[in-house]
């Protein structure tokens, strides 16, 4: 654990604001909470903005988003590009912010009740809301924003915040290019839980999951919501004439878990389905490589543990940029369809030296102490 260098004058009440549109924003906030309590002795509170908005708005912002990226990725790609190019003073952007303000009024009351010394937002929505509150002199504590992808969308570019935390040097350069002040931009990585700070023992983790550590282990992930056709991918991989164990994570998707369990009954000791887990680092720790969607948090967790990722069906926009980051640095591969996925799996299992190089590349990119580095800056005396 890194040693804290914050002074005794650091803020003691830290508020984390996230949005449950996908699991990553909340996981980043949880990581910051854990580090703030363990390393800095701070009092923390993590609020999901969606708990403070009307049900219809929440359904639109979360459920509709997940359905859109899963069933209509091409439409999402268009929306991503359009909103990235829309000027902040354009009518659509002003209307969107007005709707968000109307639907999040009760959030401001919860913030006032906690009376934070400092706020970190892991989603742009609360950062936008609070920037306006500061402009109107209704909020005086510093507000920071943590970007949770290896890309920068225009919605994250919010002027006059106290600090901006970037996943990589390139994201920081994009922040500067969009006019954010260089002295407030910090390259921290994306906050992940302390459990990812050290690689778990493969033998121990494999035994706990009922796996054979002497045989190759492949981890198939669908994200916290279990998005994607995991059952189809699993069936295709199990048809390969290769000896490996496939651990398939269905997240909170109970219907998908049931389908995977039916497939596993036909492939004993080859397919190991699991639902949502809070100890995914132990499964990552015993895997040779992973297959999944490159969300910012998943990508950061894999890198911290030196786990290569075969990217399968990335969400257009942010996940494509995360995929590019892995490919550029030799820490991942991309499979554009099921045939490509099976080809990549076969290749990695047949080329242990290549896999070892990818593991080394991933470790070099990993930033397991990102949360601590963010908080060192946030809690630094002024």
Protein backbone atom coordinates (compact mmCIF):
# COMPACT_ATOMS: atom_id res chain seq x y z
CA UNK A 1 0.00 0.00 0.00
CA UNK A 2 1.48 3.40 -0.91
CA UNK A 3 2.19 5.67 2.01
CA UNK A 4 -0.01 8.73 2.42
CA UNK A 5 1.71 12.08 1.99
CA UNK A 6 -1.33 14.22 2.74
CA UNK A 7 -1.04 16.77 5.52
CA UNK A 8 -3.19 16.96 8.63
CA UNK A 9 -5.06 19.84 6.99
CA UNK A 10 -6.48 17.67 4.24
CA UNK A 11 -10.27 17.55 3.76
CA UNK A 12 -11.94 14.91 5.91
CA UNK A 13 -15.36 14.56 4.25
CA UNK A 14 -15.20 13.18 0.72
CA UNK A 15 -18.30 12.80 -1.45
CA UNK A 16 -18.23 10.50 -4.47
CA UNK A 17 -20.91 10.94 -7.15
CA UNK A 18 -21.47 8.29 -9.83
CA UNK A 19 -24.18 7.29 -12.31
CA UNK A 20 -25.28 3.66 -12.75
CA UNK A 21 -25.20 3.75 -16.56
CA UNK A 22 -23.04 0.64 -16.76
CA UNK A 23 -21.11 -0.60 -13.74
CA UNK A 24 -17.79 1.18 -14.25
CA UNK A 25 -18.62 4.63 -12.87
CA UNK A 26 -19.80 3.15 -9.58
CA UNK A 27 -16.80 0.84 -9.32
CA UNK A 28 -14.42 3.76 -9.76
CA UNK A 29 -16.23 5.65 -7.00
CA UNK A 30 -16.11 2.61 -4.72
CA UNK A 31 -12.35 2.34 -5.32
CA UNK A 32 -11.87 5.97 -4.34
CA UNK A 33 -13.97 5.46 -1.21
CA UNK A 34 -11.89 2.45 -0.18
CA UNK A 35 -8.60 4.28 -0.71
CA UNK A 36 -9.81 7.43 1.05
CA UNK A 37 -10.80 5.46 4.14
CA UNK A 38 -7.76 3.17 4.25
CA UNK A 39 -5.00 5.56 3.20
CA UNK A 40 -6.26 8.97 4.33
CA UNK A 41 -8.71 8.32 7.16
CA UNK A 42 -11.38 10.31 5.37
CA UNK A 43 -15.11 10.10 5.99
CA UNK A 44 -16.72 9.15 2.70
CA UNK A 45 -20.14 8.93 1.11
CA UNK A 46 -20.86 7.49 -2.33
CA UNK A 47 -24.13 8.55 -3.96
CA UNK A 48 -25.56 7.20 -7.21
CA UNK A 49 -27.23 10.16 -8.93
CA UNK A 50 -29.86 7.78 -10.32
CA UNK A 51 -31.17 7.25 -6.77
CA UNK A 52 -32.20 10.93 -6.72
CA UNK A 53 -34.09 11.25 -10.00
CA UNK A 54 -37.64 10.26 -11.03
CA UNK A 55 -38.13 6.66 -12.11
CA UNK A 56 -38.84 7.55 -15.75
CA UNK A 57 -35.62 9.52 -16.04
CA UNK A 58 -33.64 6.73 -14.38
CA UNK A 59 -35.09 4.13 -16.73
CA UNK A 60 -34.19 6.27 -19.73
CA UNK A 61 -30.67 6.98 -18.52
CA UNK A 62 -29.73 3.46 -17.40
CA UNK A 63 -31.98 0.73 -18.82
CA UNK A 64 -32.34 2.42 -22.18
CA UNK A 65 -28.59 2.97 -22.40
CA UNK A 66 -27.84 -0.72 -21.74
CA UNK A 67 -30.43 -1.84 -24.28
CA UNK A 68 -29.16 0.62 -26.85
CA UNK A 69 -25.50 -0.45 -26.65
CA UNK A 70 -26.44 -4.14 -26.58
CA UNK A 71 -29.11 -4.26 -29.30
CA UNK A 72 -28.46 -1.16 -31.43
CA UNK A 73 -24.73 -0.42 -31.28
CA UNK A 74 -24.73 1.41 -34.64
CA UNK A 75 -27.31 3.89 -33.33
CA UNK A 76 -25.27 4.40 -30.17
CA UNK A 77 -22.18 5.06 -32.32
CA UNK A 78 -24.04 7.86 -34.12
CA UNK A 79 -25.21 9.41 -30.86
CA UNK A 80 -21.69 9.22 -29.45
CA UNK A 81 -20.23 11.06 -32.44
CA UNK A 82 -23.02 13.65 -32.62
CA UNK A 83 -22.83 14.57 -28.94
CA UNK A 84 -19.04 14.73 -29.12
CA UNK A 85 -19.27 17.34 -31.90
CA UNK A 86 -22.17 19.36 -30.46
CA UNK A 87 -20.97 22.73 -29.06
CA UNK A 88 -21.83 23.17 -25.37
CA UNK A 89 -23.84 26.33 -26.10
CA UNK A 90 -25.92 24.71 -28.86
CA UNK A 91 -29.65 24.37 -28.22
CA UNK A 92 -29.64 20.52 -27.93
CA UNK A 93 -26.86 20.66 -25.34
CA UNK A 94 -28.58 23.42 -23.33
CA UNK A 95 -31.88 21.49 -23.43
CA UNK A 96 -30.19 18.30 -22.25
CA UNK A 97 -28.59 20.09 -19.28
CA UNK A 98 -31.91 21.75 -18.37
CA UNK A 99 -33.69 18.37 -18.33
CA UNK A 100 -30.93 16.87 -16.19
CA UNK A 101 -31.16 19.75 -13.69
CA UNK A 102 -34.93 19.39 -13.36
CA UNK A 103 -34.61 15.67 -12.69
CA UNK A 104 -31.80 15.87 -10.14
CA UNK A 105 -33.02 18.55 -7.71
CA UNK A 106 -33.19 16.21 -4.72
CA UNK A 107 -29.52 15.31 -5.20
CA UNK A 108 -28.53 18.82 -4.14
CA UNK A 109 -30.31 18.34 -0.84
CA UNK A 110 -28.42 15.12 -0.15
CA UNK A 111 -25.14 16.88 -0.91
CA UNK A 112 -25.99 19.71 1.48
CA UNK A 113 -26.88 17.20 4.22
CA UNK A 114 -23.44 15.54 3.98
CA UNK A 115 -21.62 18.91 3.78
CA UNK A 116 -18.54 17.57 1.97
CA UNK A 117 -15.13 19.20 2.02
CA UNK A 118 -14.46 17.94 -1.50
CA UNK A 119 -16.37 16.11 -4.24
CA UNK A 120 -15.14 13.74 -6.93
CA UNK A 121 -17.47 12.85 -9.82
CA UNK A 122 -16.88 9.65 -11.77
CA UNK A 123 -19.50 10.62 -14.36
CA UNK A 124 -19.98 13.85 -16.25
CA UNK A 125 -23.65 14.33 -15.25
CA UNK A 126 -23.08 15.32 -11.60
CA UNK A 127 -19.97 17.28 -12.59
CA UNK A 128 -22.08 19.39 -14.99
CA UNK A 129 -24.76 19.93 -12.36
CA UNK A 130 -22.28 21.01 -9.70
CA UNK A 131 -20.32 23.28 -12.03
CA UNK A 132 -23.52 25.28 -12.46
CA UNK A 133 -24.13 25.34 -8.71
CA UNK A 134 -20.66 26.77 -8.24
CA UNK A 135 -21.28 29.41 -10.90
CA UNK A 136 -24.40 30.45 -8.96
CA UNK A 137 -22.37 30.49 -5.71
CA UNK A 138 -24.59 27.77 -4.18
CA UNK A 139 -21.68 25.34 -3.76
CA UNK A 140 -18.26 26.33 -2.52
CA UNK A 141 -16.30 23.09 -2.02
CA UNK A 142 -13.89 21.89 -4.75
CA UNK A 143 -15.30 19.55 -7.41
CA UNK A 144 -13.08 17.17 -9.37
CA UNK A 145 -13.92 14.80 -12.21
CA UNK A 146 -12.38 11.40 -12.96
CA UNK A 147 -12.65 10.28 -16.59
CA UNK A 148 -13.28 6.52 -16.64
CA UNK A 149 -12.19 5.62 -20.18
CA UNK A 150 -9.05 5.85 -22.28
CA UNK A 151 -10.78 8.47 -24.41
CA UNK A 152 -12.23 11.93 -23.88
CA UNK A 153 -15.77 12.71 -24.99
CA UNK A 154 -16.93 16.33 -25.09
CA UNK A 155 -19.42 15.73 -22.27
CA UNK A 156 -16.50 15.32 -19.85
CA UNK A 157 -15.07 18.75 -20.76
CA UNK A 158 -16.56 20.89 -17.99
CA UNK A 159 -14.84 24.23 -17.34
CA UNK A 160 -13.88 25.68 -13.96
CA UNK A 161 -13.63 22.44 -11.97
CA UNK A 162 -10.86 22.08 -9.41
CA UNK A 163 -9.22 19.07 -11.08
CA UNK A 164 -9.41 16.65 -13.99
CA UNK A 165 -8.03 13.12 -13.74
CA UNK A 166 -7.05 11.30 -16.93
CA UNK A 167 -6.52 7.62 -17.64
CA UNK A 168 -3.46 8.20 -19.83
CA UNK A 169 -1.12 10.83 -21.23
CA UNK A 170 -3.14 10.96 -24.44
CA UNK A 171 -6.38 11.66 -22.59
CA UNK A 172 -4.60 14.47 -20.73
CA UNK A 173 -3.40 15.88 -24.06
CA UNK A 174 -6.99 15.80 -25.34
CA UNK A 175 -8.11 17.68 -22.24
CA UNK A 176 -5.56 20.40 -22.90
CA UNK A 177 -6.51 20.52 -26.59
CA UNK A 178 -10.15 21.12 -25.60
CA UNK A 179 -9.18 24.10 -23.47
CA UNK A 180 -9.00 22.73 -19.94
CA UNK A 181 -6.21 24.36 -17.87
CA UNK A 182 -3.04 22.26 -17.92
CA UNK A 183 -2.24 22.90 -14.25
CA UNK A 184 -5.50 21.22 -13.20
CA UNK A 185 -5.02 18.09 -15.33
CA UNK A 186 -3.45 15.01 -13.74
CA UNK A 187 -2.59 11.64 -15.29
CA UNK A 188 -3.65 9.17 -12.62
CA UNK A 189 -5.02 6.13 -14.38
CA UNK A 190 -8.54 4.91 -13.59
CA UNK A 191 -9.25 4.08 -9.92
CA UNK A 192 -9.63 0.37 -9.18
CA UNK A 193 -10.08 -1.48 -5.91
CA UNK A 194 -7.08 -2.15 -3.64
CA UNK A 195 -7.43 -5.90 -4.29
CA UNK A 196 -5.89 -5.34 -7.73
CA UNK A 197 -2.67 -3.92 -6.28
CA UNK A 198 -1.06 -7.37 -6.07
CA UNK A 199 -1.42 -10.39 -8.33
CA UNK A 200 -3.18 -13.27 -6.48
CA UNK A 201 -1.60 -16.70 -6.32
CA UNK A 202 -2.74 -18.75 -9.33
CA UNK A 203 -2.80 -22.10 -7.53
CA UNK A 204 -4.83 -20.80 -4.61
CA UNK A 205 -7.34 -18.93 -6.75
CA UNK A 206 -7.81 -21.82 -9.16
CA UNK A 207 -8.43 -24.29 -6.34
CA UNK A 208 -11.01 -21.99 -4.74
CA UNK A 209 -12.92 -21.81 -8.04
CA UNK A 210 -12.77 -25.56 -8.65
CA UNK A 211 -10.29 -25.15 -11.50
CA UNK A 212 -7.14 -27.08 -12.40
CA UNK A 213 -4.20 -24.66 -12.33
CA UNK A 214 -2.13 -27.01 -14.50
CA UNK A 215 -4.52 -26.56 -17.44
CA UNK A 216 -5.05 -23.29 -19.35
CA UNK A 217 -7.81 -21.08 -17.95
CA UNK A 218 -9.71 -18.58 -20.12
CA UNK A 219 -12.00 -15.97 -18.57
CA UNK A 220 -15.08 -14.92 -20.59
CA UNK A 221 -16.64 -11.73 -19.22
CA UNK A 222 -19.89 -9.95 -20.04
CA UNK A 223 -19.65 -6.99 -17.66
CA UNK A 224 -21.64 -6.40 -14.49
CA UNK A 225 -24.93 -6.52 -16.42
CA UNK A 226 -23.97 -9.63 -18.39
CA UNK A 227 -24.33 -7.80 -21.70
CA UNK A 228 -23.57 -9.76 -24.86
CA UNK A 229 -24.26 -13.24 -26.25
CA UNK A 230 -22.01 -15.08 -23.80
CA UNK A 231 -23.76 -18.40 -24.37
CA UNK A 232 -23.12 -18.29 -28.11
CA UNK A 233 -19.49 -17.31 -27.58
CA UNK A 234 -19.03 -20.11 -25.02
CA UNK A 235 -20.54 -22.74 -27.31
CA UNK A 236 -18.27 -21.68 -30.15
CA UNK A 237 -15.16 -21.84 -27.98
CA UNK A 238 -16.09 -25.22 -26.53
CA UNK A 239 -16.17 -26.65 -30.04
CA UNK A 240 -12.43 -26.03 -30.36
CA UNK A 241 -10.37 -29.21 -30.12
CA UNK A 242 -8.18 -27.73 -27.40
CA UNK A 243 -7.72 -28.52 -23.71
CA UNK A 244 -8.67 -25.43 -21.69
CA UNK A 245 -11.11 -24.40 -18.98
CA UNK A 246 -13.58 -21.61 -19.73
CA UNK A 247 -14.92 -19.50 -16.86
CA UNK A 248 -17.95 -17.50 -18.07
CA UNK A 249 -19.16 -14.56 -15.98
CA UNK A 250 -22.83 -13.69 -16.50
CA UNK A 251 -22.87 -10.78 -14.05
CA UNK A 252 -26.37 -9.98 -12.82
CA UNK A 253 -28.00 -11.53 -15.89
CA UNK A 254 -29.74 -14.53 -14.30
CA UNK A 255 -31.27 -15.73 -17.58
CA UNK A 256 -27.82 -15.83 -19.17
CA UNK A 257 -26.41 -17.69 -16.17
CA UNK A 258 -29.10 -20.35 -16.53
CA UNK A 259 -28.30 -20.79 -20.23
CA UNK A 260 -24.60 -21.13 -19.44
CA UNK A 261 -25.33 -23.68 -16.72
CA UNK A 262 -27.27 -25.82 -19.22
CA UNK A 263 -24.31 -25.69 -21.61
CA UNK A 264 -21.90 -26.53 -18.78
CA UNK A 265 -23.85 -29.71 -18.01
CA UNK A 266 -22.86 -30.94 -21.48
CA UNK A 267 -19.20 -30.00 -20.99
CA UNK A 268 -18.11 -31.15 -17.50
CA UNK A 269 -14.81 -29.70 -16.28
CA UNK A 270 -14.63 -27.41 -19.30
CA UNK A 271 -17.20 -24.65 -18.74
CA UNK A 272 -17.57 -22.97 -15.34
CA UNK A 273 -20.43 -20.40 -15.27
CA UNK A 274 -20.59 -17.78 -12.55
CA UNK A 275 -22.93 -14.93 -11.72
CA UNK A 276 -22.01 -11.57 -10.28
CA UNK A 277 -18.88 -11.67 -8.12
CA UNK A 278 -17.16 -9.13 -5.88
CA UNK A 279 -13.86 -11.02 -6.04
CA UNK A 280 -13.26 -11.01 -9.77
CA UNK A 281 -9.58 -10.30 -9.13
CA UNK A 282 -9.22 -13.90 -7.95
CA UNK A 283 -10.62 -15.26 -11.21
CA UNK A 284 -8.44 -12.84 -13.19
CA UNK A 285 -5.48 -13.93 -11.09
CA UNK A 286 -5.72 -17.54 -12.20
CA UNK A 287 -6.63 -16.87 -15.86
CA UNK A 288 -4.14 -17.05 -18.72
CA UNK A 289 -6.08 -14.39 -20.63
CA UNK A 290 -9.56 -12.88 -20.73
CA UNK A 291 -12.21 -12.30 -23.38
CA UNK A 292 -14.68 -9.46 -22.99
CA UNK A 293 -15.82 -5.93 -23.53
CA UNK A 294 -13.18 -3.29 -22.78
CA UNK A 295 -14.93 -0.99 -20.35
CA UNK A 296 -12.57 1.47 -18.73
CA UNK A 297 -12.64 -0.28 -15.34
CA UNK A 298 -12.35 -3.80 -16.78
CA UNK A 299 -9.43 -2.67 -18.95
CA UNK A 300 -7.69 -1.08 -15.96
CA UNK A 301 -8.22 -4.16 -13.79
CA UNK A 302 -6.79 -6.45 -16.46
CA UNK A 303 -3.76 -4.22 -16.91
CA UNK A 304 -3.09 -4.05 -13.17
CA UNK A 305 -2.95 -7.87 -13.00
CA UNK A 306 -1.04 -8.28 -16.26
CA UNK A 307 -3.97 -10.05 -17.90
CA UNK A 308 -4.16 -9.81 -21.72
CA UNK A 309 -7.63 -9.15 -23.09
CA UNK A 310 -9.19 -10.36 -26.32
CA UNK A 311 -11.70 -7.63 -27.06
CA UNK A 312 -14.97 -9.00 -28.42
CA UNK A 313 -17.79 -6.77 -29.72
CA UNK A 314 -16.73 -3.49 -28.09
CA UNK A 315 -19.37 -0.78 -27.67
CA UNK A 316 -18.81 1.84 -30.38
CA UNK A 317 -17.26 4.99 -29.03
CA UNK A 318 -15.62 4.71 -25.63
CA UNK A 319 -14.98 0.95 -25.69
CA UNK A 320 -13.51 1.12 -29.18
CA UNK A 321 -11.06 3.74 -27.89
CA UNK A 322 -10.20 1.52 -24.91
CA UNK A 323 -9.62 -1.32 -27.36
CA UNK A 324 -7.30 0.88 -29.44
CA UNK A 325 -5.27 1.62 -26.30
CA UNK A 326 -4.75 -2.10 -25.62
CA UNK A 327 -3.85 -2.89 -29.23
CA UNK A 328 -1.41 0.02 -29.55
CA UNK A 329 0.51 -1.16 -26.51
CA UNK A 330 0.50 -4.88 -27.28
CA UNK A 331 -1.68 -5.84 -24.30
CA UNK A 332 -4.71 -7.08 -26.20
CA UNK A 333 -6.18 -8.46 -29.41
CA UNK A 334 -9.46 -7.71 -31.16
CA UNK A 335 -11.95 -10.25 -32.48
CA UNK A 336 -14.45 -8.76 -34.91
CA UNK A 337 -16.69 -11.86 -34.97
CA UNK A 338 -16.99 -15.41 -33.65
CA UNK A 339 -14.58 -16.83 -36.24
CA UNK A 340 -11.94 -14.27 -35.30
CA UNK A 341 -12.50 -14.98 -31.61
CA UNK A 342 -11.92 -18.70 -32.03
CA UNK A 343 -8.83 -17.97 -34.15
CA UNK A 344 -7.37 -15.61 -31.51
CA UNK A 345 -7.98 -18.09 -28.70
CA UNK A 346 -6.33 -20.89 -30.64
CA UNK A 347 -3.35 -18.66 -31.44
CA UNK A 348 -2.75 -17.53 -27.87
CA UNK A 349 -3.00 -21.04 -26.47
CA UNK A 350 -0.51 -22.25 -29.09
CA UNK A 351 1.98 -19.40 -28.59
CA UNK A 352 2.98 -19.15 -24.91
CA UNK A 353 5.86 -16.78 -25.67
CA UNK A 354 3.52 -14.34 -27.38
CA UNK A 355 1.12 -14.57 -24.46
CA UNK A 356 3.99 -13.90 -22.03
CA UNK A 357 4.96 -10.74 -23.96
CA UNK A 358 1.39 -9.52 -23.82
CA UNK A 359 1.28 -10.12 -20.08
CA UNK A 360 4.47 -8.07 -19.63
CA UNK A 361 3.04 -5.27 -21.77
CA UNK A 362 -0.14 -5.23 -19.71
CA UNK A 363 1.78 -5.01 -16.43
CA UNK A 364 3.79 -2.05 -17.69
CA UNK A 365 0.55 -0.18 -18.48
CA UNK A 366 -1.17 -1.05 -15.22
CA UNK A 367 -1.83 1.65 -12.62
CA UNK A 368 -3.02 -0.33 -9.58
CA UNK A 369 -2.58 2.68 -7.24
CA UNK A 370 -4.58 5.15 -9.35
CA UNK A 371 -7.11 5.79 -6.57
CA UNK A 372 -4.36 6.71 -4.11
CA UNK A 373 -2.73 9.04 -6.63
CA UNK A 374 -6.03 10.82 -7.29
CA UNK A 375 -6.60 11.34 -3.58
CA UNK A 376 -3.06 12.57 -2.96
CA UNK A 377 -3.81 15.37 -5.38
CA UNK A 378 -7.33 16.04 -4.12
CA UNK A 379 -6.22 16.11 -0.47
CA UNK A 380 -3.02 18.09 -1.12
CA UNK A 381 -2.82 21.22 1.02
CA UNK A 382 -3.49 24.44 -0.89
